[in-house]
N, C-alpha and C. Protein backbone atom coordinates (compact mmCIF):
# COMPACT_ATOMS: atom_id res chain seq x y z
N UNK A 1 -16.21 -18.77 -0.51
CA UNK A 1 -16.10 -18.36 0.89
C UNK A 1 -14.70 -17.86 1.17
N UNK A 2 -14.58 -16.78 1.95
CA UNK A 2 -13.28 -16.24 2.29
C UNK A 2 -12.67 -17.07 3.40
N UNK A 3 -11.57 -17.77 3.09
CA UNK A 3 -10.93 -18.63 4.07
C UNK A 3 -9.67 -17.98 4.64
N UNK A 4 -9.53 -16.66 4.48
CA UNK A 4 -8.36 -15.97 4.98
C UNK A 4 -8.20 -16.21 6.47
N UNK A 5 -7.01 -16.64 6.90
CA UNK A 5 -6.77 -16.87 8.31
C UNK A 5 -6.74 -15.55 9.06
N UNK A 6 -6.91 -15.64 10.39
CA UNK A 6 -6.86 -14.44 11.20
C UNK A 6 -5.50 -13.78 11.01
N UNK A 7 -5.51 -12.52 10.65
CA UNK A 7 -4.28 -11.82 10.28
C UNK A 7 -3.70 -11.08 11.48
N UNK A 8 -2.37 -11.07 11.54
CA UNK A 8 -1.68 -10.25 12.52
C UNK A 8 -1.59 -8.81 12.05
N UNK A 9 -2.12 -8.56 10.88
CA UNK A 9 -2.17 -7.21 10.35
C UNK A 9 -1.11 -6.94 9.31
N UNK A 10 -1.43 -6.03 8.42
CA UNK A 10 -0.52 -5.57 7.37
C UNK A 10 -0.20 -4.11 7.62
N UNK A 11 1.03 -3.75 7.36
CA UNK A 11 1.43 -2.35 7.35
C UNK A 11 1.12 -1.79 5.97
N UNK A 12 0.44 -0.66 5.92
CA UNK A 12 0.18 0.02 4.66
C UNK A 12 0.74 1.43 4.75
N UNK A 13 1.63 1.76 3.83
CA UNK A 13 2.21 3.09 3.78
C UNK A 13 1.75 3.86 2.56
N UNK A 14 1.61 5.16 2.72
CA UNK A 14 1.29 6.05 1.61
C UNK A 14 2.33 7.17 1.60
N UNK A 15 2.93 7.39 0.44
CA UNK A 15 3.96 8.42 0.33
C UNK A 15 3.51 9.51 -0.63
N UNK A 16 4.46 10.36 -1.02
CA UNK A 16 4.12 11.54 -1.81
C UNK A 16 4.01 11.34 -3.30
N UNK A 17 4.03 10.11 -3.77
CA UNK A 17 3.80 9.88 -5.20
C UNK A 17 2.33 10.10 -5.53
N UNK A 18 2.05 10.40 -6.79
CA UNK A 18 0.65 10.49 -7.22
C UNK A 18 0.02 9.11 -7.13
N UNK A 19 -1.30 9.10 -6.87
CA UNK A 19 -2.00 7.83 -6.77
C UNK A 19 -2.48 7.52 -5.36
N UNK A 20 -2.79 8.55 -4.58
CA UNK A 20 -3.25 8.35 -3.20
C UNK A 20 -4.48 7.45 -3.15
N UNK A 21 -5.31 7.49 -4.18
CA UNK A 21 -6.53 6.69 -4.18
C UNK A 21 -6.23 5.20 -4.08
N UNK A 22 -5.06 4.77 -4.57
CA UNK A 22 -4.71 3.36 -4.46
C UNK A 22 -4.54 2.95 -3.00
N UNK A 23 -3.82 3.76 -2.26
CA UNK A 23 -3.61 3.44 -0.85
C UNK A 23 -4.90 3.49 -0.05
N UNK A 24 -5.71 4.51 -0.29
CA UNK A 24 -6.98 4.65 0.43
C UNK A 24 -7.89 3.46 0.15
N UNK A 25 -8.03 3.10 -1.12
CA UNK A 25 -8.90 1.98 -1.48
C UNK A 25 -8.38 0.68 -0.92
N UNK A 26 -7.06 0.48 -0.93
CA UNK A 26 -6.48 -0.74 -0.36
C UNK A 26 -6.81 -0.85 1.12
N UNK A 27 -6.62 0.22 1.87
CA UNK A 27 -6.93 0.19 3.30
C UNK A 27 -8.40 -0.15 3.51
N UNK A 28 -9.28 0.48 2.76
CA UNK A 28 -10.71 0.21 2.91
C UNK A 28 -11.04 -1.25 2.63
N UNK A 29 -10.44 -1.81 1.58
CA UNK A 29 -10.72 -3.21 1.25
C UNK A 29 -10.16 -4.16 2.31
N UNK A 30 -9.00 -3.87 2.85
CA UNK A 30 -8.43 -4.71 3.89
C UNK A 30 -9.30 -4.68 5.15
N UNK A 31 -9.73 -3.49 5.53
CA UNK A 31 -10.56 -3.37 6.73
C UNK A 31 -11.89 -4.08 6.54
N UNK A 32 -12.49 -3.95 5.36
CA UNK A 32 -13.76 -4.64 5.09
C UNK A 32 -13.58 -6.15 5.13
N UNK A 33 -12.37 -6.62 4.79
CA UNK A 33 -12.08 -8.06 4.81
C UNK A 33 -11.71 -8.55 6.20
N UNK A 34 -11.73 -7.64 7.18
CA UNK A 34 -11.44 -8.05 8.55
C UNK A 34 -9.96 -8.11 8.88
N UNK A 35 -9.15 -7.41 8.12
CA UNK A 35 -7.70 -7.45 8.30
C UNK A 35 -7.24 -6.15 8.97
N UNK A 36 -6.53 -6.30 10.07
CA UNK A 36 -6.03 -5.13 10.78
C UNK A 36 -4.99 -4.41 9.94
N UNK A 37 -4.98 -3.08 10.01
CA UNK A 37 -4.06 -2.26 9.23
C UNK A 37 -3.24 -1.38 10.17
N UNK A 38 -1.94 -1.39 9.94
CA UNK A 38 -1.01 -0.48 10.61
C UNK A 38 -0.66 0.58 9.57
N UNK A 39 -1.14 1.80 9.76
CA UNK A 39 -1.13 2.81 8.72
C UNK A 39 -0.03 3.85 8.93
N UNK A 40 0.71 4.12 7.84
CA UNK A 40 1.76 5.13 7.83
C UNK A 40 1.54 6.07 6.65
N UNK A 41 1.63 7.37 6.90
CA UNK A 41 1.49 8.36 5.84
C UNK A 41 2.60 9.40 6.02
N UNK A 42 3.41 9.59 4.98
CA UNK A 42 4.46 10.61 5.07
C UNK A 42 3.84 12.00 4.96
N UNK A 43 4.64 13.01 5.30
CA UNK A 43 4.15 14.38 5.15
C UNK A 43 3.77 14.67 3.71
N UNK A 44 4.60 14.21 2.77
CA UNK A 44 4.26 14.39 1.36
C UNK A 44 3.02 13.60 0.99
N UNK A 45 2.82 12.45 1.64
CA UNK A 45 1.61 11.66 1.40
C UNK A 45 0.36 12.42 1.81
N UNK A 46 0.42 13.11 2.93
CA UNK A 46 -0.72 13.94 3.35
C UNK A 46 -0.98 15.05 2.33
N UNK A 47 0.08 15.61 1.79
CA UNK A 47 -0.07 16.65 0.76
C UNK A 47 -0.80 16.12 -0.46
N UNK A 48 -0.46 14.90 -0.88
CA UNK A 48 -1.13 14.31 -2.04
C UNK A 48 -2.59 14.00 -1.73
N UNK A 49 -2.88 13.54 -0.52
CA UNK A 49 -4.27 13.30 -0.13
C UNK A 49 -5.09 14.59 -0.23
N UNK A 50 -4.48 15.69 0.13
CA UNK A 50 -5.15 16.99 0.02
C UNK A 50 -5.35 17.38 -1.44
N UNK A 51 -4.29 17.26 -2.24
CA UNK A 51 -4.32 17.74 -3.61
C UNK A 51 -5.17 16.86 -4.53
N UNK A 52 -5.09 15.53 -4.35
CA UNK A 52 -5.78 14.62 -5.27
C UNK A 52 -7.19 14.23 -4.80
N UNK A 53 -7.38 14.13 -3.49
CA UNK A 53 -8.67 13.67 -2.98
C UNK A 53 -9.41 14.72 -2.17
N UNK A 54 -8.83 15.92 -2.07
CA UNK A 54 -9.45 17.04 -1.35
C UNK A 54 -9.71 16.73 0.12
N UNK A 55 -8.84 15.92 0.72
CA UNK A 55 -8.97 15.67 2.15
C UNK A 55 -8.61 16.94 2.92
N UNK A 56 -9.41 17.33 3.92
CA UNK A 56 -9.07 18.48 4.76
C UNK A 56 -8.03 18.08 5.80
N UNK A 57 -6.78 18.02 5.38
CA UNK A 57 -5.75 17.37 6.20
C UNK A 57 -5.33 18.19 7.41
N UNK A 58 -5.91 19.38 7.60
CA UNK A 58 -5.68 20.08 8.87
C UNK A 58 -6.28 19.30 10.02
N UNK A 59 -7.24 18.41 9.71
CA UNK A 59 -7.86 17.53 10.70
C UNK A 59 -7.54 16.09 10.32
N UNK A 60 -6.31 15.69 10.56
CA UNK A 60 -5.87 14.37 10.11
C UNK A 60 -6.65 13.24 10.78
N UNK A 61 -6.83 13.34 12.08
CA UNK A 61 -7.58 12.30 12.79
C UNK A 61 -8.99 12.19 12.25
N UNK A 62 -9.62 13.33 11.99
CA UNK A 62 -10.97 13.32 11.44
C UNK A 62 -11.02 12.69 10.06
N UNK A 63 -10.02 12.98 9.22
CA UNK A 63 -9.96 12.38 7.88
C UNK A 63 -9.91 10.87 7.97
N UNK A 64 -9.06 10.35 8.83
CA UNK A 64 -8.91 8.90 8.95
C UNK A 64 -10.19 8.26 9.47
N UNK A 65 -10.81 8.88 10.43
CA UNK A 65 -12.05 8.32 10.98
C UNK A 65 -13.17 8.33 9.95
N UNK A 66 -13.25 9.38 9.16
CA UNK A 66 -14.31 9.45 8.15
C UNK A 66 -14.14 8.38 7.08
N UNK A 67 -12.92 8.08 6.70
CA UNK A 67 -12.69 7.15 5.59
C UNK A 67 -12.45 5.71 6.04
N UNK A 68 -11.97 5.52 7.28
CA UNK A 68 -11.62 4.17 7.72
C UNK A 68 -12.30 3.75 9.03
N UNK A 69 -12.80 4.70 9.80
CA UNK A 69 -13.26 4.41 11.15
C UNK A 69 -14.52 3.57 11.25
N UNK A 70 -15.36 3.60 10.22
CA UNK A 70 -16.61 2.87 10.30
C UNK A 70 -16.56 1.47 9.72
N UNK A 71 -15.36 1.00 9.35
CA UNK A 71 -15.23 -0.31 8.72
C UNK A 71 -14.96 -1.38 9.78
N UNK A 72 -15.26 -2.65 9.46
CA UNK A 72 -15.27 -3.72 10.49
C UNK A 72 -13.97 -3.90 11.26
N UNK A 73 -12.85 -4.03 10.58
CA UNK A 73 -11.59 -4.25 11.30
C UNK A 73 -11.05 -2.91 11.81
N UNK A 74 -10.00 -2.97 12.59
CA UNK A 74 -9.45 -1.75 13.16
C UNK A 74 -8.14 -1.37 12.48
N UNK A 75 -7.76 -0.12 12.64
CA UNK A 75 -6.50 0.36 12.10
C UNK A 75 -5.78 1.15 13.19
N UNK A 76 -4.48 1.22 13.08
CA UNK A 76 -3.66 2.06 13.96
C UNK A 76 -2.82 2.96 13.08
N UNK A 77 -2.91 4.25 13.32
CA UNK A 77 -2.12 5.22 12.57
C UNK A 77 -0.91 5.61 13.41
N UNK A 78 0.27 5.56 12.80
CA UNK A 78 1.52 5.89 13.49
C UNK A 78 2.11 7.17 12.92
N UNK A 79 2.54 8.10 13.75
CA UNK A 79 3.28 9.26 13.24
C UNK A 79 4.53 8.80 12.51
N UNK A 80 4.84 9.43 11.41
CA UNK A 80 5.91 8.96 10.53
C UNK A 80 7.28 9.03 11.20
N UNK A 81 7.46 9.89 12.18
CA UNK A 81 8.75 9.99 12.86
C UNK A 81 8.82 9.18 14.15
N UNK A 82 7.79 8.39 14.44
CA UNK A 82 7.78 7.57 15.66
C UNK A 82 8.63 6.31 15.44
N UNK A 83 9.93 6.50 15.42
CA UNK A 83 10.84 5.42 15.10
C UNK A 83 10.86 4.35 16.19
N UNK A 84 10.27 4.64 17.35
CA UNK A 84 10.19 3.65 18.43
C UNK A 84 8.89 2.87 18.44
N UNK A 85 8.05 3.03 17.41
CA UNK A 85 6.78 2.29 17.36
C UNK A 85 7.04 0.79 17.23
N UNK A 86 6.04 -0.01 17.61
CA UNK A 86 6.19 -1.45 17.57
C UNK A 86 6.61 -1.98 16.21
N UNK A 87 6.03 -1.42 15.15
CA UNK A 87 6.32 -1.93 13.81
C UNK A 87 7.75 -1.66 13.36
N UNK A 88 8.51 -0.89 14.15
CA UNK A 88 9.92 -0.65 13.83
C UNK A 88 10.79 -1.82 14.24
N UNK A 89 10.21 -2.80 14.91
CA UNK A 89 10.98 -3.95 15.40
C UNK A 89 10.57 -5.23 14.70
N UNK A 90 11.53 -6.08 14.43
CA UNK A 90 11.22 -7.38 13.84
C UNK A 90 10.47 -8.29 14.78
N UNK A 91 10.49 -8.00 16.09
CA UNK A 91 9.76 -8.84 17.04
C UNK A 91 8.26 -8.56 17.04
N UNK A 92 7.87 -7.44 16.39
CA UNK A 92 6.44 -7.12 16.26
C UNK A 92 5.91 -7.87 15.05
N UNK A 93 4.94 -8.74 15.27
CA UNK A 93 4.48 -9.61 14.20
C UNK A 93 3.49 -8.90 13.28
N UNK A 94 3.78 -8.94 12.00
CA UNK A 94 2.85 -8.50 10.97
C UNK A 94 2.92 -9.49 9.82
N UNK A 95 1.92 -9.44 8.94
CA UNK A 95 1.93 -10.30 7.76
C UNK A 95 2.88 -9.79 6.68
N UNK A 96 3.07 -8.48 6.64
CA UNK A 96 3.91 -7.88 5.61
C UNK A 96 3.59 -6.41 5.49
N UNK A 97 4.06 -5.81 4.40
CA UNK A 97 3.89 -4.36 4.21
C UNK A 97 3.68 -4.04 2.75
N UNK A 98 2.81 -3.06 2.51
CA UNK A 98 2.59 -2.50 1.18
C UNK A 98 2.81 -1.00 1.25
N UNK A 99 3.52 -0.45 0.30
CA UNK A 99 3.62 1.01 0.18
C UNK A 99 2.96 1.40 -1.13
N UNK A 100 1.81 2.06 -1.03
CA UNK A 100 1.01 2.40 -2.21
C UNK A 100 0.35 3.76 -2.01
N UNK A 101 0.76 4.76 -2.77
CA UNK A 101 1.83 4.74 -3.77
C UNK A 101 3.19 4.88 -3.11
N UNK A 102 4.21 4.43 -3.82
CA UNK A 102 5.59 4.50 -3.33
C UNK A 102 6.37 5.51 -4.16
N UNK A 103 6.84 6.55 -3.53
CA UNK A 103 7.62 7.57 -4.24
C UNK A 103 9.00 7.04 -4.57
N UNK A 104 9.64 7.67 -5.54
CA UNK A 104 10.99 7.29 -5.90
C UNK A 104 11.97 7.59 -4.76
N UNK A 105 11.69 8.62 -3.96
CA UNK A 105 12.55 8.93 -2.82
C UNK A 105 12.49 7.84 -1.76
N UNK A 106 11.28 7.38 -1.45
CA UNK A 106 11.14 6.30 -0.47
C UNK A 106 11.77 5.02 -1.01
N UNK A 107 11.54 4.72 -2.27
CA UNK A 107 12.12 3.53 -2.87
C UNK A 107 13.65 3.58 -2.84
N UNK A 108 14.21 4.76 -3.10
CA UNK A 108 15.66 4.91 -3.10
C UNK A 108 16.24 4.63 -1.72
N UNK A 109 15.60 5.17 -0.68
CA UNK A 109 16.10 4.93 0.67
C UNK A 109 16.00 3.46 1.05
N UNK A 110 14.88 2.82 0.69
CA UNK A 110 14.74 1.39 0.99
C UNK A 110 15.82 0.59 0.28
N UNK A 111 16.07 0.92 -0.98
CA UNK A 111 17.04 0.15 -1.75
C UNK A 111 18.45 0.28 -1.20
N UNK A 112 18.72 1.35 -0.44
CA UNK A 112 20.04 1.56 0.13
C UNK A 112 20.08 1.28 1.63
N UNK A 113 19.03 0.71 2.18
CA UNK A 113 19.02 0.35 3.59
C UNK A 113 18.98 1.53 4.54
N UNK A 114 18.45 2.65 4.07
CA UNK A 114 18.37 3.86 4.89
C UNK A 114 17.03 3.90 5.61
N UNK A 115 17.06 4.16 6.91
CA UNK A 115 15.83 4.20 7.71
C UNK A 115 15.68 5.58 8.35
N UNK A 116 15.32 6.55 7.53
CA UNK A 116 15.22 7.93 8.01
C UNK A 116 13.90 8.23 8.70
N UNK A 117 12.91 7.35 8.55
CA UNK A 117 11.63 7.54 9.22
C UNK A 117 11.00 6.16 9.43
N UNK A 118 9.82 6.14 10.03
CA UNK A 118 9.19 4.86 10.37
C UNK A 118 8.78 4.07 9.14
N UNK A 119 8.41 4.75 8.07
CA UNK A 119 8.07 4.07 6.82
C UNK A 119 9.26 3.26 6.32
N UNK A 120 10.39 3.92 6.22
CA UNK A 120 11.59 3.26 5.69
C UNK A 120 12.10 2.18 6.65
N UNK A 121 12.03 2.43 7.94
CA UNK A 121 12.46 1.43 8.92
C UNK A 121 11.56 0.20 8.85
N UNK A 122 10.26 0.41 8.73
CA UNK A 122 9.34 -0.73 8.67
C UNK A 122 9.61 -1.57 7.43
N UNK A 123 9.89 -0.90 6.31
CA UNK A 123 10.23 -1.64 5.09
C UNK A 123 11.52 -2.41 5.27
N UNK A 124 12.50 -1.82 5.93
CA UNK A 124 13.76 -2.50 6.19
C UNK A 124 13.54 -3.74 7.05
N UNK A 125 12.64 -3.62 8.02
CA UNK A 125 12.30 -4.77 8.88
C UNK A 125 11.71 -5.90 8.04
N UNK A 126 10.83 -5.56 7.10
CA UNK A 126 10.23 -6.60 6.26
C UNK A 126 11.31 -7.37 5.50
N UNK A 127 12.28 -6.65 4.96
CA UNK A 127 13.34 -7.30 4.20
C UNK A 127 14.22 -8.18 5.09
N UNK A 128 14.61 -7.67 6.24
CA UNK A 128 15.51 -8.45 7.09
C UNK A 128 14.81 -9.64 7.72
N UNK A 129 13.50 -9.54 7.94
CA UNK A 129 12.73 -10.65 8.51
C UNK A 129 12.16 -11.57 7.44
N UNK A 130 12.44 -11.27 6.17
CA UNK A 130 11.96 -12.07 5.04
C UNK A 130 10.43 -12.15 5.00
N UNK A 131 9.80 -11.00 5.29
CA UNK A 131 8.35 -10.89 5.16
C UNK A 131 8.02 -10.16 3.86
N UNK A 132 6.80 -10.31 3.37
CA UNK A 132 6.44 -9.65 2.11
C UNK A 132 6.56 -8.13 2.20
N UNK A 133 7.18 -7.55 1.20
CA UNK A 133 7.23 -6.10 1.03
C UNK A 133 6.84 -5.81 -0.41
N UNK A 134 5.72 -5.12 -0.59
CA UNK A 134 5.18 -4.83 -1.91
C UNK A 134 5.23 -3.33 -2.13
N UNK A 135 5.98 -2.92 -3.13
CA UNK A 135 6.15 -1.50 -3.43
C UNK A 135 5.40 -1.17 -4.72
N UNK A 136 4.58 -0.12 -4.66
CA UNK A 136 3.73 0.26 -5.79
C UNK A 136 4.18 1.64 -6.28
N UNK A 137 5.23 1.68 -7.10
CA UNK A 137 5.71 2.97 -7.59
C UNK A 137 4.78 3.57 -8.63
N UNK A 138 4.71 4.90 -8.67
CA UNK A 138 3.90 5.60 -9.66
C UNK A 138 4.72 6.79 -10.13
N UNK A 139 5.47 6.56 -11.17
CA UNK A 139 6.33 7.60 -11.73
C UNK A 139 6.54 7.31 -13.21
N UNK A 140 6.68 8.36 -14.01
CA UNK A 140 6.98 8.18 -15.43
C UNK A 140 7.50 9.49 -16.01
N UNK A 141 8.49 9.46 -16.89
CA UNK A 141 9.29 8.28 -17.24
C UNK A 141 10.25 7.92 -16.13
N UNK A 142 10.95 6.80 -16.30
CA UNK A 142 11.90 6.32 -15.31
C UNK A 142 13.32 6.45 -15.86
N UNK A 143 14.24 6.93 -15.02
CA UNK A 143 15.63 6.97 -15.45
C UNK A 143 16.39 5.79 -14.85
N UNK A 144 17.66 5.69 -15.18
CA UNK A 144 18.44 4.50 -14.82
C UNK A 144 18.52 4.31 -13.31
N UNK A 145 18.60 5.39 -12.54
CA UNK A 145 18.71 5.25 -11.08
C UNK A 145 17.41 4.67 -10.52
N UNK A 146 16.25 5.13 -11.01
CA UNK A 146 14.97 4.53 -10.59
C UNK A 146 14.99 3.03 -10.83
N UNK A 147 15.38 2.64 -12.03
CA UNK A 147 15.36 1.23 -12.40
C UNK A 147 16.37 0.42 -11.58
N UNK A 148 17.53 0.98 -11.32
CA UNK A 148 18.52 0.29 -10.49
C UNK A 148 18.00 0.10 -9.07
N UNK A 149 17.33 1.11 -8.53
CA UNK A 149 16.78 1.00 -7.18
C UNK A 149 15.68 -0.06 -7.11
N UNK A 150 14.84 -0.14 -8.14
CA UNK A 150 13.83 -1.19 -8.19
C UNK A 150 14.48 -2.57 -8.24
N UNK A 151 15.54 -2.69 -9.02
CA UNK A 151 16.24 -3.97 -9.11
C UNK A 151 16.84 -4.35 -7.76
N UNK A 152 17.45 -3.39 -7.07
CA UNK A 152 18.02 -3.67 -5.75
C UNK A 152 16.96 -4.15 -4.78
N UNK A 153 15.80 -3.50 -4.79
CA UNK A 153 14.72 -3.91 -3.89
C UNK A 153 14.23 -5.31 -4.23
N UNK A 154 14.11 -5.59 -5.53
CA UNK A 154 13.68 -6.92 -5.96
C UNK A 154 14.69 -7.98 -5.52
N UNK A 155 15.95 -7.70 -5.69
CA UNK A 155 17.00 -8.65 -5.30
C UNK A 155 17.01 -8.87 -3.80
N UNK A 156 16.58 -7.86 -3.03
CA UNK A 156 16.53 -7.99 -1.57
C UNK A 156 15.29 -8.72 -1.09
N UNK A 157 14.33 -8.96 -2.01
CA UNK A 157 13.15 -9.73 -1.64
C UNK A 157 11.83 -9.01 -1.80
N UNK A 158 11.85 -7.74 -2.19
CA UNK A 158 10.60 -6.99 -2.36
C UNK A 158 9.93 -7.35 -3.69
N UNK A 159 8.65 -7.06 -3.77
CA UNK A 159 7.89 -7.17 -5.02
C UNK A 159 7.65 -5.76 -5.54
N UNK A 160 8.04 -5.50 -6.75
CA UNK A 160 7.77 -4.22 -7.40
C UNK A 160 6.50 -4.38 -8.22
N UNK A 161 5.44 -3.68 -7.85
CA UNK A 161 4.14 -3.79 -8.50
C UNK A 161 3.74 -2.39 -8.97
N UNK A 162 4.20 -1.97 -10.15
CA UNK A 162 3.93 -0.61 -10.61
C UNK A 162 2.43 -0.35 -10.77
N UNK A 163 2.07 0.89 -10.60
CA UNK A 163 0.66 1.29 -10.75
C UNK A 163 0.32 1.36 -12.23
N UNK A 164 0.19 0.18 -12.83
CA UNK A 164 -0.11 0.06 -14.27
C UNK A 164 -1.39 -0.74 -14.44
N UNK A 165 -2.55 -0.10 -14.43
CA UNK A 165 -3.81 -0.84 -14.56
C UNK A 165 -3.95 -1.49 -15.92
N UNK A 166 -4.60 -2.64 -15.96
CA UNK A 166 -4.91 -3.30 -17.22
C UNK A 166 -6.25 -2.84 -17.77
N UNK A 167 -6.54 -3.24 -18.99
CA UNK A 167 -7.78 -2.81 -19.64
C UNK A 167 -8.58 -3.98 -20.20
N UNK A 168 -8.08 -5.20 -20.02
CA UNK A 168 -8.79 -6.35 -20.58
C UNK A 168 -10.11 -6.63 -19.88
N UNK A 169 -10.32 -6.05 -18.69
CA UNK A 169 -11.60 -6.21 -18.02
C UNK A 169 -12.62 -5.16 -18.44
N UNK A 170 -12.24 -4.37 -19.45
CA UNK A 170 -13.12 -3.35 -20.05
C UNK A 170 -13.68 -2.38 -19.00
N UNK A 171 -12.80 -1.65 -18.33
CA UNK A 171 -13.27 -0.73 -17.30
C UNK A 171 -14.16 0.36 -17.86
N UNK A 172 -15.20 0.68 -17.12
CA UNK A 172 -16.14 1.72 -17.53
C UNK A 172 -16.02 2.99 -16.69
N UNK A 173 -15.11 2.97 -15.72
CA UNK A 173 -14.98 4.13 -14.85
C UNK A 173 -13.58 4.16 -14.24
N UNK A 174 -13.22 5.32 -13.70
CA UNK A 174 -11.95 5.45 -12.99
C UNK A 174 -11.92 4.50 -11.79
N UNK A 175 -13.05 4.35 -11.13
CA UNK A 175 -13.11 3.46 -9.97
C UNK A 175 -12.73 2.03 -10.35
N UNK A 176 -13.18 1.57 -11.50
CA UNK A 176 -12.85 0.21 -11.94
C UNK A 176 -11.37 0.05 -12.21
N UNK A 177 -10.73 1.09 -12.75
CA UNK A 177 -9.29 1.04 -12.96
C UNK A 177 -8.55 0.97 -11.62
N UNK A 178 -9.00 1.75 -10.66
CA UNK A 178 -8.39 1.74 -9.33
C UNK A 178 -8.54 0.38 -8.68
N UNK A 179 -9.75 -0.17 -8.76
CA UNK A 179 -10.02 -1.46 -8.11
C UNK A 179 -9.24 -2.59 -8.77
N UNK A 180 -8.98 -2.49 -10.07
CA UNK A 180 -8.15 -3.48 -10.73
C UNK A 180 -6.75 -3.50 -10.11
N UNK A 181 -6.16 -2.32 -9.96
CA UNK A 181 -4.81 -2.25 -9.43
C UNK A 181 -4.78 -2.70 -7.98
N UNK A 182 -5.77 -2.29 -7.19
CA UNK A 182 -5.83 -2.71 -5.79
C UNK A 182 -6.02 -4.23 -5.70
N UNK A 183 -6.80 -4.78 -6.63
CA UNK A 183 -6.95 -6.23 -6.66
C UNK A 183 -5.64 -6.94 -6.94
N UNK A 184 -4.83 -6.37 -7.83
CA UNK A 184 -3.52 -6.95 -8.12
C UNK A 184 -2.62 -6.90 -6.89
N UNK A 185 -2.71 -5.81 -6.13
CA UNK A 185 -1.95 -5.72 -4.88
C UNK A 185 -2.40 -6.80 -3.91
N UNK A 186 -3.70 -6.98 -3.77
CA UNK A 186 -4.21 -7.98 -2.84
C UNK A 186 -3.85 -9.39 -3.30
N UNK A 187 -3.78 -9.61 -4.61
CA UNK A 187 -3.29 -10.89 -5.12
C UNK A 187 -1.87 -11.14 -4.63
N UNK A 188 -1.02 -10.11 -4.74
CA UNK A 188 0.36 -10.25 -4.30
C UNK A 188 0.46 -10.47 -2.79
N UNK A 189 -0.53 -9.97 -2.06
CA UNK A 189 -0.58 -10.17 -0.61
C UNK A 189 -1.11 -11.55 -0.24
N UNK A 190 -1.69 -12.25 -1.21
CA UNK A 190 -2.27 -13.56 -0.94
C UNK A 190 -3.62 -13.49 -0.26
N UNK A 191 -4.36 -12.41 -0.53
CA UNK A 191 -5.66 -12.19 0.12
C UNK A 191 -6.78 -12.40 -0.89
N UNK A 192 -7.74 -13.24 -0.53
CA UNK A 192 -8.87 -13.51 -1.41
C UNK A 192 -9.71 -12.25 -1.59
N UNK A 193 -10.16 -12.02 -2.82
CA UNK A 193 -11.03 -10.89 -3.10
C UNK A 193 -11.76 -11.14 -4.41
N UNK A 194 -12.77 -10.33 -4.64
CA UNK A 194 -13.53 -10.38 -5.90
C UNK A 194 -13.82 -8.96 -6.35
N UNK A 195 -12.82 -8.11 -6.33
CA UNK A 195 -13.07 -6.70 -6.61
C UNK A 195 -12.81 -6.31 -8.05
N UNK A 196 -12.33 -7.25 -8.87
CA UNK A 196 -12.22 -6.95 -10.30
C UNK A 196 -12.40 -8.23 -11.10
N UNK A 197 -12.75 -8.06 -12.37
CA UNK A 197 -12.94 -9.21 -13.25
C UNK A 197 -11.60 -9.74 -13.72
N UNK A 198 -11.37 -11.03 -13.52
CA UNK A 198 -10.12 -11.64 -13.92
C UNK A 198 -10.18 -12.07 -15.38
N UNK A 199 -9.01 -12.26 -15.97
CA UNK A 199 -8.94 -12.74 -17.35
C UNK A 199 -9.64 -14.09 -17.44
N UNK A 200 -10.55 -14.22 -18.39
CA UNK A 200 -11.29 -15.45 -18.57
C UNK A 200 -12.65 -15.45 -17.92
N UNK A 201 -12.88 -14.50 -16.99
CA UNK A 201 -14.21 -14.39 -16.39
C UNK A 201 -15.20 -13.93 -17.46
N UNK A 202 -16.37 -14.51 -17.46
CA UNK A 202 -17.36 -14.20 -18.47
C UNK A 202 -18.13 -12.94 -18.15
N UNK A 203 -18.36 -12.11 -19.15
CA UNK A 203 -19.22 -10.94 -18.99
C UNK A 203 -20.66 -11.38 -18.74
N UNK A 204 -21.00 -12.59 -19.17
CA UNK A 204 -22.37 -13.07 -19.02
C UNK A 204 -22.75 -13.33 -17.59
N UNK A 205 -21.73 -13.40 -16.69
CA UNK A 205 -22.02 -13.67 -15.28
C UNK A 205 -22.46 -12.42 -14.55
N UNK A 206 -22.45 -11.28 -15.20
CA UNK A 206 -22.83 -10.04 -14.53
C UNK A 206 -24.32 -9.79 -14.65
């Protein structure tokens, strides 16, 4: 039984890194679990949604309603430059924040305490308020500056959860690989789920 307490909501950000499907699937799973979502998408994030998932992003409101609007919990989408939104303040209560996928540019700004938009400001709020901040970078190869920025974020209290799916659950499709990674994110969030087979789970139970 899902014993998840009533949530004050999670902030979910999507940036211009490859891997938009991770963010979309995470939002869908959170909403299905009854968890409110405060959604942020950078301009580059919208570009990736168009390029990777063929979203008709000229109709952004329509895209969000088609993919998230019919699910049980509610979501609020914030313009990325709305620096005066509630989530920009530490007095606005949330459970934490996930950025999936997280670009190296966004990660760099967070690691240096720069708040150039609502995504970066919200992440800064999570760190200063000691709330969970989970960053899901998707880049390869990595140079020393990338690694230093990840270390700085980790030292400040963030969790670096790279988009590195496992294979021990014997995935048979791209969807299973995506759900594995999203499940790992939800584990880091402390949210109960059963969206992928864990190590030690028997194949005979299927």
